[in-house]
């Protein structure tokens, strides 16, 4: 079988090897599609807490080759794979917040992942893809679950107004979920093209960050950039007694007046990974297949995996999700 292995910084190669053998309780899955995100680019650039070499890919869809009888899955079943690993014993896991597990791991980030034609995974990490949802779109379930988690962390109410800062994939998927819940969403981004793209995901209004005023006072803000400037915007824009959810990640330091949070009586919440919301994510994608298909802006075969990573850092043009097709046989030109 073919496997794409990231060997060192900006160096990935497709190798041939023997198929894996599932351990007890594991299923063997033939990978159909892997979609890539910013974390994948950081790993490719050797700018992440990952030891290379590694097989990347944590946004995975595929078809079951075989599975334990007690799992309820049979050969031919279409599945999305949850890549997260939790210890189950730390305080976060014990109170149902395994997304914040202190010993968490993730396929494709800290251990070999989905950029291989065949993978083995615990059968409990398989999620059935709804009929009518194409397998390439089902690979989006993992990032969608992160967006769903962030939205639900903010306790949205139908009819209220929300602001989403950042129109990357997580911000766009959060917008899609918010609008499905009856929330009026304004999306802001430093790129006018990305902000305009948000209208395909239900945004009622868009704004160019740093230039356009934010209309109204949103009672909920989803900050999906990790930018200190965006955090300042979130705290200033949100209404009194509002909620701000931080899902964007960054190592940068933010400087802000401490008085803003208590004076406005704000709930400022972090959101990490998801609390096993893959099935909710698949349902959202199934109900919004047009938007899901719009999010995948580029497709490449596994044989051209280097191009896929280079697309992620393209400075020009709109790049949403890059989908790697593991069923394609053609070689790169």
C-alpha atoms as a PDB file:
ATOM      1  CA  UNK A   1       0.000   0.000   0.000  1.00  0.00           C
ATOM      2  CA  UNK A   2       1.012   3.653  -0.448  1.00  0.00           C
ATOM      3  CA  UNK A   3       1.776   5.937   2.494  1.00  0.00           C
ATOM      4  CA  UNK A   4       2.837   9.580   2.533  1.00  0.00           C
ATOM      5  CA  UNK A   5       5.492  10.086   5.194  1.00  0.00           C
ATOM      6  CA  UNK A   6       6.764  13.484   6.267  1.00  0.00           C
ATOM      7  CA  UNK A   7      10.465  12.820   6.827  1.00  0.00           C
ATOM      8  CA  UNK A   8      11.805  16.243   7.732  1.00  0.00           C
ATOM      9  CA  UNK A   9      11.032  19.923   7.276  1.00  0.00           C
ATOM     10  CA  UNK A  10       9.262  20.447   3.916  1.00  0.00           C
ATOM     11  CA  UNK A  11      10.148  16.907   2.866  1.00  0.00           C
ATOM     12  CA  UNK A  12       7.391  14.375   2.231  1.00  0.00           C
ATOM     13  CA  UNK A  13       7.527  11.234   0.129  1.00  0.00           C
ATOM     14  CA  UNK A  14       5.144   8.464  -0.900  1.00  0.00           C
ATOM     15  CA  UNK A  15       6.453   5.035   0.073  1.00  0.00           C
ATOM     16  CA  UNK A  16       5.170   1.495  -0.459  1.00  0.00           C
ATOM     17  CA  UNK A  17       4.773  -0.954   2.402  1.00  0.00           C
ATOM     18  CA  UNK A  18       2.756  -3.771   3.898  1.00  0.00           C
ATOM     19  CA  UNK A  19      -0.841  -3.186   5.045  1.00  0.00           C
ATOM     20  CA  UNK A  20      -1.295  -2.902   8.834  1.00  0.00           C
ATOM     21  CA  UNK A  21      -2.957  -5.655  10.844  1.00  0.00           C
ATOM     22  CA  UNK A  22      -5.680  -4.582  13.269  1.00  0.00           C
ATOM     23  CA  UNK A  23      -5.326  -5.458  16.936  1.00  0.00           C
ATOM     24  CA  UNK A  24      -8.315  -6.741  18.912  1.00  0.00           C
ATOM     25  CA  UNK A  25     -11.019  -4.069  18.997  1.00  0.00           C
ATOM     26  CA  UNK A  26      -9.633  -2.312  15.932  1.00  0.00           C
ATOM     27  CA  UNK A  27     -11.054  -1.890  12.444  1.00  0.00           C
ATOM     28  CA  UNK A  28      -9.171  -1.808   9.170  1.00  0.00           C
ATOM     29  CA  UNK A  29     -10.208   1.206   7.060  1.00  0.00           C
ATOM     30  CA  UNK A  30      -9.397   1.975   3.440  1.00  0.00           C
ATOM     31  CA  UNK A  31      -8.853   5.726   3.417  1.00  0.00           C
ATOM     32  CA  UNK A  32     -10.796   7.672   0.812  1.00  0.00           C
ATOM     33  CA  UNK A  33     -10.021  11.338   1.545  1.00  0.00           C
ATOM     34  CA  UNK A  34      -7.882  13.350   3.943  1.00  0.00           C
ATOM     35  CA  UNK A  35      -8.427  17.100   4.189  1.00  0.00           C
ATOM     36  CA  UNK A  36      -5.583  19.288   5.425  1.00  0.00           C
ATOM     37  CA  UNK A  37      -5.538  22.196   7.866  1.00  0.00           C
ATOM     38  CA  UNK A  38      -3.130  24.784   9.252  1.00  0.00           C
ATOM     39  CA  UNK A  39      -1.811  22.318  11.826  1.00  0.00           C
ATOM     40  CA  UNK A  40      -0.738  20.038   8.969  1.00  0.00           C
ATOM     41  CA  UNK A  41       1.252  22.910   7.471  1.00  0.00           C
ATOM     42  CA  UNK A  42       2.961  23.593  10.805  1.00  0.00           C
ATOM     43  CA  UNK A  43       3.929  19.915  11.055  1.00  0.00           C
ATOM     44  CA  UNK A  44       5.191  19.956   7.457  1.00  0.00           C
ATOM     45  CA  UNK A  45       7.270  23.037   8.346  1.00  0.00           C
ATOM     46  CA  UNK A  46       8.576  21.255  11.480  1.00  0.00           C
ATOM     47  CA  UNK A  47       7.045  24.068  13.515  1.00  0.00           C
ATOM     48  CA  UNK A  48       4.866  21.979  15.807  1.00  0.00           C
ATOM     49  CA  UNK A  49       5.233  19.722  18.846  1.00  0.00           C
ATOM     50  CA  UNK A  50       5.572  16.677  16.576  1.00  0.00           C
ATOM     51  CA  UNK A  51       8.506  14.353  16.175  1.00  0.00           C
ATOM     52  CA  UNK A  52       9.351  13.670  12.544  1.00  0.00           C
ATOM     53  CA  UNK A  53       9.116  11.417  10.623  1.00  0.00           C
ATOM     54  CA  UNK A  54       5.359  10.923  10.813  1.00  0.00           C
ATOM     55  CA  UNK A  55       2.394  10.023   8.630  1.00  0.00           C
ATOM     56  CA  UNK A  56       0.204  13.114   8.741  1.00  0.00           C
ATOM     57  CA  UNK A  57      -3.543  13.429   8.257  1.00  0.00           C
ATOM     58  CA  UNK A  58      -6.194  13.724  10.968  1.00  0.00           C
ATOM     59  CA  UNK A  59      -9.292  14.672   8.919  1.00  0.00           C
ATOM     60  CA  UNK A  60     -10.154  11.253   7.534  1.00  0.00           C
ATOM     61  CA  UNK A  61     -12.949   9.464   5.700  1.00  0.00           C
ATOM     62  CA  UNK A  62     -12.903   5.938   4.320  1.00  0.00           C
ATOM     63  CA  UNK A  63     -14.532   2.557   3.874  1.00  0.00           C
ATOM     64  CA  UNK A  64     -14.425  -0.293   6.374  1.00  0.00           C
ATOM     65  CA  UNK A  65     -12.428  -3.311   5.193  1.00  0.00           C
ATOM     66  CA  UNK A  66     -13.158  -5.313   8.334  1.00  0.00           C
ATOM     67  CA  UNK A  67     -14.228  -4.576  11.887  1.00  0.00           C
ATOM     68  CA  UNK A  68     -15.005  -6.450  15.118  1.00  0.00           C
ATOM     69  CA  UNK A  69     -18.445  -8.059  14.970  1.00  0.00           C
ATOM     70  CA  UNK A  70     -19.546  -6.325  18.164  1.00  0.00           C
ATOM     71  CA  UNK A  71     -18.805  -2.891  16.654  1.00  0.00           C
ATOM     72  CA  UNK A  72     -21.841  -2.959  14.375  1.00  0.00           C
ATOM     73  CA  UNK A  73     -19.709  -2.053  11.359  1.00  0.00           C
ATOM     74  CA  UNK A  74     -19.323  -4.341   8.370  1.00  0.00           C
ATOM     75  CA  UNK A  75     -17.115  -4.298   5.266  1.00  0.00           C
ATOM     76  CA  UNK A  76     -18.204  -1.577   2.862  1.00  0.00           C
ATOM     77  CA  UNK A  77     -19.551   0.786   5.516  1.00  0.00           C
ATOM     78  CA  UNK A  78     -18.657   4.426   4.861  1.00  0.00           C
ATOM     79  CA  UNK A  79     -17.090   6.119   7.873  1.00  0.00           C
ATOM     80  CA  UNK A  80     -15.399   9.213   9.193  1.00  0.00           C
ATOM     81  CA  UNK A  81     -12.612   8.632  11.708  1.00  0.00           C
ATOM     82  CA  UNK A  82     -12.259  10.473  15.001  1.00  0.00           C
ATOM     83  CA  UNK A  83      -8.504  11.042  15.387  1.00  0.00           C
ATOM     84  CA  UNK A  84      -8.445  12.078  19.049  1.00  0.00           C
ATOM     85  CA  UNK A  85      -7.076   9.903  21.831  1.00  0.00           C
ATOM     86  CA  UNK A  86      -7.995  10.499  25.493  1.00  0.00           C
ATOM     87  CA  UNK A  87      -6.690   8.927  28.704  1.00  0.00           C
ATOM     88  CA  UNK A  88     -10.141   8.573  30.301  1.00  0.00           C
ATOM     89  CA  UNK A  89      -8.768   9.004  33.839  1.00  0.00           C
ATOM     90  CA  UNK A  90      -7.672  12.641  34.282  1.00  0.00           C
ATOM     91  CA  UNK A  91     -10.076  15.173  35.799  1.00  0.00           C
ATOM     92  CA  UNK A  92     -11.112  16.581  32.429  1.00  0.00           C
ATOM     93  CA  UNK A  93     -11.985  13.129  31.111  1.00  0.00           C
ATOM     94  CA  UNK A  94     -13.829  12.172  34.298  1.00  0.00           C
ATOM     95  CA  UNK A  95     -16.151  15.182  34.024  1.00  0.00           C
ATOM     96  CA  UNK A  96     -16.868  14.571  30.337  1.00  0.00           C
ATOM     97  CA  UNK A  97     -14.470  17.185  28.966  1.00  0.00           C
ATOM     98  CA  UNK A  98     -12.106  14.756  27.271  1.00  0.00           C
ATOM     99  CA  UNK A  99     -11.377  17.447  24.695  1.00  0.00           C
ATOM    100  CA  UNK A 100      -9.123  19.000  27.353  1.00  0.00           C
ATOM    101  CA  UNK A 101      -7.446  15.722  28.366  1.00  0.00           C
ATOM    102  CA  UNK A 102      -3.953  16.425  29.695  1.00  0.00           C
ATOM    103  CA  UNK A 103      -2.616  13.306  27.956  1.00  0.00           C
ATOM    104  CA  UNK A 104      -4.501  13.651  24.687  1.00  0.00           C
ATOM    105  CA  UNK A 105      -3.029  12.533  21.384  1.00  0.00           C
ATOM    106  CA  UNK A 106      -4.153  12.820  17.802  1.00  0.00           C
ATOM    107  CA  UNK A 107      -3.648  10.676  14.726  1.00  0.00           C
ATOM    108  CA  UNK A 108      -1.556  12.512  12.164  1.00  0.00           C
ATOM    109  CA  UNK A 109      -0.248  14.995  14.731  1.00  0.00           C
ATOM    110  CA  UNK A 110       1.522  12.948  17.403  1.00  0.00           C
ATOM    111  CA  UNK A 111       1.201   9.450  15.937  1.00  0.00           C
ATOM    112  CA  UNK A 112       0.825   8.110  12.412  1.00  0.00           C
ATOM    113  CA  UNK A 113      -2.387   9.231  10.762  1.00  0.00           C
ATOM    114  CA  UNK A 114      -4.528   9.006   7.669  1.00  0.00           C
ATOM    115  CA  UNK A 115      -2.269   9.700   4.683  1.00  0.00           C
ATOM    116  CA  UNK A 116      -2.092   5.982   3.947  1.00  0.00           C
ATOM    117  CA  UNK A 117      -4.279   3.754   1.828  1.00  0.00           C
ATOM    118  CA  UNK A 118      -5.077   1.500   4.804  1.00  0.00           C
ATOM    119  CA  UNK A 119      -5.125   2.374   8.509  1.00  0.00           C
ATOM    120  CA  UNK A 120      -6.181   0.631  11.711  1.00  0.00           C
ATOM    121  CA  UNK A 121      -8.230   2.504  14.304  1.00  0.00           C
ATOM    122  CA  UNK A 122     -10.262   1.558  17.381  1.00  0.00           C
ATOM    123  CA  UNK A 123     -13.736   0.607  16.189  1.00  0.00           C
ATOM    124  CA  UNK A 124     -15.178   3.092  18.685  1.00  0.00           C
ATOM    125  CA  UNK A 125     -13.595   5.909  16.704  1.00  0.00           C
ATOM    126  CA  UNK A 126     -15.618   5.147  13.582  1.00  0.00           C
ATOM    127  CA  UNK A 127     -18.640   7.277  12.721  1.00  0.00           C
ATOM    128  CA  UNK A 128     -21.142   6.261  10.087  1.00  0.00           C
ATOM    129  CA  UNK A 129     -21.466   8.658   7.151  1.00  0.00           C
ATOM    130  CA  UNK A 130     -25.093   9.556   6.342  1.00  0.00           C
ATOM    131  CA  UNK A 131     -26.461   8.290   3.027  1.00  0.00           C
ATOM    132  CA  UNK A 132     -26.227  11.096   0.512  1.00  0.00           C
ATOM    133  CA  UNK A 133     -23.097  12.663   1.974  1.00  0.00           C
ATOM    134  CA  UNK A 134     -20.118  12.080  -0.304  1.00  0.00           C
ATOM    135  CA  UNK A 135     -17.024  10.591   1.309  1.00  0.00           C
ATOM    136  CA  UNK A 136     -14.797  13.485   0.302  1.00  0.00           C
ATOM    137  CA  UNK A 137     -17.059  15.835   2.264  1.00  0.00           C
ATOM    138  CA  UNK A 138     -17.227  13.431   5.213  1.00  0.00           C
ATOM    139  CA  UNK A 139     -13.500  14.050   5.793  1.00  0.00           C
ATOM    140  CA  UNK A 140     -14.570  17.518   6.979  1.00  0.00           C
ATOM    141  CA  UNK A 141     -16.311  16.003  10.011  1.00  0.00           C
ATOM    142  CA  UNK A 142     -13.302  16.484  12.299  1.00  0.00           C
ATOM    143  CA  UNK A 143     -12.850  20.254  11.758  1.00  0.00           C
ATOM    144  CA  UNK A 144     -16.630  20.654  11.734  1.00  0.00           C
ATOM    145  CA  UNK A 145     -16.782  18.977  15.153  1.00  0.00           C
ATOM    146  CA  UNK A 146     -14.302  21.568  16.452  1.00  0.00           C
ATOM    147  CA  UNK A 147     -16.463  24.388  15.099  1.00  0.00           C
ATOM    148  CA  UNK A 148     -19.614  22.812  16.580  1.00  0.00           C
ATOM    149  CA  UNK A 149     -17.876  22.536  19.957  1.00  0.00           C
ATOM    150  CA  UNK A 150     -16.882  26.212  19.875  1.00  0.00           C
ATOM    151  CA  UNK A 151     -20.389  27.310  18.931  1.00  0.00           C
ATOM    152  CA  UNK A 152     -22.092  25.245  21.625  1.00  0.00           C
ATOM    153  CA  UNK A 153     -19.569  26.455  24.192  1.00  0.00           C
ATOM    154  CA  UNK A 154     -21.007  29.921  23.556  1.00  0.00           C
ATOM    155  CA  UNK A 155     -24.615  28.876  24.367  1.00  0.00           C
ATOM    156  CA  UNK A 156     -26.183  30.410  21.216  1.00  0.00           C
ATOM    157  CA  UNK A 157     -29.844  31.367  21.192  1.00  0.00           C
ATOM    158  CA  UNK A 158     -32.100  31.657  18.111  1.00  0.00           C
ATOM    159  CA  UNK A 159     -32.557  35.252  17.041  1.00  0.00           C
ATOM    160  CA  UNK A 160     -29.450  36.674  18.719  1.00  0.00           C
ATOM    161  CA  UNK A 161     -26.579  38.256  16.836  1.00  0.00           C
ATOM    162  CA  UNK A 162     -23.072  36.822  16.689  1.00  0.00           C
ATOM    163  CA  UNK A 163     -19.728  37.948  15.335  1.00  0.00           C
ATOM    164  CA  UNK A 164     -17.235  35.470  13.895  1.00  0.00           C
ATOM    165  CA  UNK A 165     -13.683  36.773  13.647  1.00  0.00           C
ATOM    166  CA  UNK A 166     -11.667  34.907  11.031  1.00  0.00           C
ATOM    167  CA  UNK A 167     -13.015  33.318   7.857  1.00  0.00           C
ATOM    168  CA  UNK A 168     -10.733  30.321   7.719  1.00  0.00           C
ATOM    169  CA  UNK A 169     -12.333  26.853   7.745  1.00  0.00           C
ATOM    170  CA  UNK A 170     -13.168  26.833  11.481  1.00  0.00           C
ATOM    171  CA  UNK A 171     -14.715  30.308  11.327  1.00  0.00           C
ATOM    172  CA  UNK A 172     -16.722  29.389   8.233  1.00  0.00           C
ATOM    173  CA  UNK A 173     -17.947  26.126   9.760  1.00  0.00           C
ATOM    174  CA  UNK A 174     -18.858  27.951  12.987  1.00  0.00           C
ATOM    175  CA  UNK A 175     -20.840  30.412  10.867  1.00  0.00           C
ATOM    176  CA  UNK A 176     -22.616  27.519   9.169  1.00  0.00           C
ATOM    177  CA  UNK A 177     -23.570  26.006  12.527  1.00  0.00           C
ATOM    178  CA  UNK A 178     -24.666  29.313  14.042  1.00  0.00           C
ATOM    179  CA  UNK A 179     -26.943  30.121  11.101  1.00  0.00           C
ATOM    180  CA  UNK A 180     -28.421  26.619  11.267  1.00  0.00           C
ATOM    181  CA  UNK A 181     -29.397  27.440  14.850  1.00  0.00           C
ATOM    182  CA  UNK A 182     -31.165  30.666  13.833  1.00  0.00           C
ATOM    183  CA  UNK A 183     -28.388  33.085  14.830  1.00  0.00           C
ATOM    184  CA  UNK A 184     -27.696  36.223  12.751  1.00  0.00           C
ATOM    185  CA  UNK A 185     -23.980  36.206  11.955  1.00  0.00           C
ATOM    186  CA  UNK A 186     -21.533  38.905  10.930  1.00  0.00           C
ATOM    187  CA  UNK A 187     -18.160  37.621   9.712  1.00  0.00           C
ATOM    188  CA  UNK A 188     -14.977  39.694   9.713  1.00  0.00           C
ATOM    189  CA  UNK A 189     -11.569  38.968   8.214  1.00  0.00           C
ATOM    190  CA  UNK A 190      -8.474  40.893   7.163  1.00  0.00           C
ATOM    191  CA  UNK A 191      -9.046  39.535   3.638  1.00  0.00           C
ATOM    192  CA  UNK A 192     -12.002  40.978   1.742  1.00  0.00           C
ATOM    193  CA  UNK A 193     -12.115  37.840  -0.416  1.00  0.00           C
ATOM    194  CA  UNK A 194     -12.320  35.519   2.584  1.00  0.00           C
ATOM    195  CA  UNK A 195     -14.930  37.729   4.267  1.00  0.00           C
ATOM    196  CA  UNK A 196     -17.089  37.668   1.127  1.00  0.00           C
ATOM    197  CA  UNK A 197     -16.688  33.876   0.993  1.00  0.00           C
ATOM    198  CA  UNK A 198     -18.484  33.663   4.361  1.00  0.00           C
ATOM    199  CA  UNK A 199     -21.802  34.562   2.734  1.00  0.00           C
ATOM    200  CA  UNK A 200     -21.821  31.050   1.243  1.00  0.00           C
ATOM    201  CA  UNK A 201     -21.919  29.723   4.799  1.00  0.00           C
ATOM    202  CA  UNK A 202     -24.849  31.852   5.911  1.00  0.00           C
ATOM    203  CA  UNK A 203     -23.243  35.100   7.059  1.00  0.00           C
ATOM    204  CA  UNK A 204     -25.841  37.878   6.955  1.00  0.00           C
ATOM    205  CA  UNK A 205     -23.151  40.580   6.902  1.00  0.00           C
ATOM    206  CA  UNK A 206     -19.413  40.772   6.404  1.00  0.00           C
ATOM    207  CA  UNK A 207     -16.765  43.265   7.438  1.00  0.00           C
ATOM    208  CA  UNK A 208     -13.136  43.925   6.642  1.00  0.00           C
ATOM    209  CA  UNK A 209     -11.308  43.710   9.960  1.00  0.00           C
ATOM    210  CA  UNK A 210      -9.580  46.900  10.969  1.00  0.00           C
ATOM    211  CA  UNK A 211     -11.525  49.023   8.492  1.00  0.00           C
ATOM    212  CA  UNK A 212     -15.268  48.390   8.597  1.00  0.00           C
ATOM    213  CA  UNK A 213     -17.297  49.022  11.767  1.00  0.00           C
ATOM    214  CA  UNK A 214     -18.931  46.008  13.396  1.00  0.00           C
ATOM    215  CA  UNK A 215     -22.708  46.515  13.180  1.00  0.00           C
ATOM    216  CA  UNK A 216     -24.737  46.324  16.399  1.00  0.00           C
ATOM    217  CA  UNK A 217     -23.323  44.784  19.559  1.00  0.00           C
ATOM    218  CA  UNK A 218     -23.176  41.010  19.165  1.00  0.00           C
ATOM    219  CA  UNK A 219     -24.015  39.045  22.276  1.00  0.00           C
ATOM    220  CA  UNK A 220     -21.728  36.199  21.136  1.00  0.00           C
ATOM    221  CA  UNK A 221     -18.301  36.389  19.509  1.00  0.00           C
ATOM    222  CA  UNK A 222     -16.363  33.413  18.132  1.00  0.00           C
ATOM    223  CA  UNK A 223     -12.681  34.340  17.833  1.00  0.00           C
ATOM    224  CA  UNK A 224     -11.192  31.915  15.279  1.00  0.00           C
ATOM    225  CA  UNK A 225      -7.844  33.514  14.423  1.00  0.00           C
ATOM    226  CA  UNK A 226      -5.624  33.395  17.490  1.00  0.00           C
ATOM    227  CA  UNK A 227      -4.593  36.989  16.775  1.00  0.00           C
ATOM    228  CA  UNK A 228      -4.113  39.319  19.775  1.00  0.00           C
ATOM    229  CA  UNK A 229      -5.679  42.127  17.723  1.00  0.00           C
ATOM    230  CA  UNK A 230      -8.744  39.957  17.072  1.00  0.00           C
ATOM    231  CA  UNK A 231      -9.069  39.219  20.789  1.00  0.00           C
ATOM    232  CA  UNK A 232      -9.083  42.950  21.491  1.00  0.00           C
ATOM    233  CA  UNK A 233     -11.735  43.409  18.794  1.00  0.00           C
ATOM    234  CA  UNK A 234     -13.832  40.625  20.321  1.00  0.00           C
ATOM    235  CA  UNK A 235     -13.786  42.144  23.806  1.00  0.00           C
ATOM    236  CA  UNK A 236     -14.556  45.623  22.530  1.00  0.00           C
ATOM    237  CA  UNK A 237     -17.308  44.547  20.125  1.00  0.00           C
ATOM    238  CA  UNK A 238     -19.256  42.139  22.325  1.00  0.00           C
ATOM    239  CA  UNK A 239     -22.245  43.470  24.216  1.00  0.00           C
ATOM    240  CA  UNK A 240     -22.323  43.751  27.976  1.00  0.00           C
ATOM    241  CA  UNK A 241     -23.123  40.396  29.600  1.00  0.00           C
ATOM    242  CA  UNK A 242     -22.037  38.726  26.356  1.00  0.00           C
ATOM    243  CA  UNK A 243     -19.923  35.675  25.639  1.00  0.00           C
ATOM    244  CA  UNK A 244     -16.589  35.421  23.846  1.00  0.00           C
ATOM    245  CA  UNK A 245     -15.336  32.001  22.730  1.00  0.00           C
ATOM    246  CA  UNK A 246     -11.666  31.652  21.817  1.00  0.00           C
ATOM    247  CA  UNK A 247     -11.005  28.773  19.429  1.00  0.00           C
ATOM    248  CA  UNK A 248      -8.081  30.252  17.468  1.00  0.00           C
ATOM    249  CA  UNK A 249      -4.635  29.162  18.648  1.00  0.00           C
ATOM    250  CA  UNK A 250      -1.485  31.254  18.866  1.00  0.00           C
ATOM    251  CA  UNK A 251       1.654  31.536  20.954  1.00  0.00           C
ATOM    252  CA  UNK A 252       1.455  35.323  20.808  1.00  0.00           C
ATOM    253  CA  UNK A 253       0.839  37.492  23.872  1.00  0.00           C
ATOM    254  CA  UNK A 254      -2.183  39.766  24.083  1.00  0.00           C
ATOM    255  CA  UNK A 255      -2.123  43.066  25.976  1.00  0.00           C
ATOM    256  CA  UNK A 256      -5.536  44.297  27.040  1.00  0.00           C
ATOM    257  CA  UNK A 257      -7.080  46.312  29.869  1.00  0.00           C
ATOM    258  CA  UNK A 258      -8.170  44.021  32.681  1.00  0.00           C
ATOM    259  CA  UNK A 259     -11.198  46.190  33.444  1.00  0.00           C
ATOM    260  CA  UNK A 260     -12.979  45.322  30.168  1.00  0.00           C
ATOM    261  CA  UNK A 261     -13.993  41.805  31.220  1.00  0.00           C
ATOM    262  CA  UNK A 262     -15.429  42.583  34.682  1.00  0.00           C
ATOM    263  CA  UNK A 263     -16.968  45.929  33.694  1.00  0.00           C
ATOM    264  CA  UNK A 264     -18.836  44.324  30.778  1.00  0.00           C
ATOM    265  CA  UNK A 265     -19.522  41.218  32.913  1.00  0.00           C
ATOM    266  CA  UNK A 266     -18.306  38.941  30.111  1.00  0.00           C
ATOM    267  CA  UNK A 267     -18.017  35.189  29.856  1.00  0.00           C
ATOM    268  CA  UNK A 268     -14.674  34.498  28.153  1.00  0.00           C
ATOM    269  CA  UNK A 269     -14.402  30.836  27.228  1.00  0.00           C
ATOM    270  CA  UNK A 270     -11.752  28.664  25.665  1.00  0.00           C
ATOM    271  CA  UNK A 271     -12.691  25.903  23.223  1.00  0.00           C
ATOM    272  CA  UNK A 272     -10.393  23.035  22.311  1.00  0.00           C
ATOM    273  CA  UNK A 273     -10.992  20.037  20.030  1.00  0.00           C
ATOM    274  CA  UNK A 274     -14.492  18.611  20.578  1.00  0.00           C
ATOM    275  CA  UNK A 275     -16.387  16.468  23.019  1.00  0.00           C
ATOM    276  CA  UNK A 276     -16.935  13.637  20.529  1.00  0.00           C
ATOM    277  CA  UNK A 277     -19.240  15.675  18.297  1.00  0.00           C
ATOM    278  CA  UNK A 278     -18.391  13.844  15.057  1.00  0.00           C
ATOM    279  CA  UNK A 279     -21.954  12.611  14.535  1.00  0.00           C
ATOM    280  CA  UNK A 280     -23.348  16.119  15.017  1.00  0.00           C
ATOM    281  CA  UNK A 281     -20.748  17.366  12.560  1.00  0.00           C
ATOM    282  CA  UNK A 282     -21.678  14.762   9.953  1.00  0.00           C
ATOM    283  CA  UNK A 283     -25.344  15.715  10.305  1.00  0.00           C
ATOM    284  CA  UNK A 284     -24.499  19.403   9.783  1.00  0.00           C
ATOM    285  CA  UNK A 285     -22.466  18.582   6.672  1.00  0.00           C
ATOM    286  CA  UNK A 286     -25.257  16.364   5.359  1.00  0.00           C
ATOM    287  CA  UNK A 287     -27.747  19.211   5.746  1.00  0.00           C
ATOM    288  CA  UNK A 288     -25.397  21.700   4.045  1.00  0.00           C
ATOM    289  CA  UNK A 289     -23.611  19.772   1.307  1.00  0.00           C
ATOM    290  CA  UNK A 290     -23.379  22.825  -0.964  1.00  0.00           C
ATOM    291  CA  UNK A 291     -21.436  24.821   1.611  1.00  0.00           C
ATOM    292  CA  UNK A 292     -19.313  21.788   2.471  1.00  0.00           C
ATOM    293  CA  UNK A 293     -18.371  21.353  -1.171  1.00  0.00           C
ATOM    294  CA  UNK A 294     -17.535  25.053  -1.463  1.00  0.00           C
ATOM    295  CA  UNK A 295     -15.136  24.730   1.472  1.00  0.00           C
ATOM    296  CA  UNK A 296     -12.953  22.258  -0.443  1.00  0.00           C
ATOM    297  CA  UNK A 297     -11.230  24.617  -2.858  1.00  0.00           C
ATOM    298  CA  UNK A 298      -8.402  22.313  -4.003  1.00  0.00           C
ATOM    299  CA  UNK A 299      -8.055  18.581  -4.654  1.00  0.00           C
ATOM    300  CA  UNK A 300      -4.872  16.602  -5.277  1.00  0.00           C
ATOM    301  CA  UNK A 301      -4.019  12.888  -5.534  1.00  0.00           C
ATOM    302  CA  UNK A 302      -1.818  11.277  -2.890  1.00  0.00           C
ATOM    303  CA  UNK A 303       0.990  11.032  -5.431  1.00  0.00           C
ATOM    304  CA  UNK A 304       1.138  14.845  -5.498  1.00  0.00           C
ATOM    305  CA  UNK A 305       1.105  15.324  -1.730  1.00  0.00           C
ATOM    306  CA  UNK A 306       3.898  17.913  -1.815  1.00  0.00           C
ATOM    307  CA  UNK A 307       1.685  20.211  -3.882  1.00  0.00           C
ATOM    308  CA  UNK A 308      -1.076  19.854  -1.284  1.00  0.00           C
ATOM    309  CA  UNK A 309       1.150  21.242   1.473  1.00  0.00           C
ATOM    310  CA  UNK A 310       2.439  24.049  -0.729  1.00  0.00           C
ATOM    311  CA  UNK A 311      -1.138  25.094  -1.496  1.00  0.00           C
ATOM    312  CA  UNK A 312      -1.754  25.620   2.223  1.00  0.00           C
ATOM    313  CA  UNK A 313       0.796  28.418   2.315  1.00  0.00           C
ATOM    314  CA  UNK A 314      -0.175  30.021  -0.998  1.00  0.00           C
ATOM    315  CA  UNK A 315      -0.207  33.802  -0.427  1.00  0.00           C
ATOM    316  CA  UNK A 316      -2.510  34.503  -3.362  1.00  0.00           C
ATOM    317  CA  UNK A 317      -5.985  33.220  -4.089  1.00  0.00           C
ATOM    318  CA  UNK A 318      -8.632  31.720  -1.854  1.00  0.00           C
ATOM    319  CA  UNK A 319      -7.595  28.471  -0.162  1.00  0.00           C
ATOM    320  CA  UNK A 320     -10.240  26.784   1.973  1.00  0.00           C
ATOM    321  CA  UNK A 321      -9.631  23.074   2.438  1.00  0.00           C
ATOM    322  CA  UNK A 322      -7.169  21.013   0.408  1.00  0.00           C
ATOM    323  CA  UNK A 323      -8.491  17.478  -0.080  1.00  0.00           C
ATOM    324  CA  UNK A 324      -6.064  14.625  -0.717  1.00  0.00           C
ATOM    325  CA  UNK A 325      -7.676  11.826  -2.737  1.00  0.00           C
ATOM    326  CA  UNK A 326      -6.248   8.438  -1.771  1.00  0.00           C
ATOM    327  CA  UNK A 327      -8.330   6.595  -4.376  1.00  0.00           C
ATOM    328  CA  UNK A 328      -6.691   8.330  -7.343  1.00  0.00           C
ATOM    329  CA  UNK A 329      -4.149   6.256  -9.247  1.00  0.00           C
ATOM    330  CA  UNK A 330      -2.754   8.943 -11.524  1.00  0.00           C
ATOM    331  CA  UNK A 331       0.788  10.180 -11.012  1.00  0.00           C
ATOM    332  CA  UNK A 332       1.570  13.912 -10.827  1.00  0.00           C
ATOM    333  CA  UNK A 333       2.387  15.576 -14.120  1.00  0.00           C
END
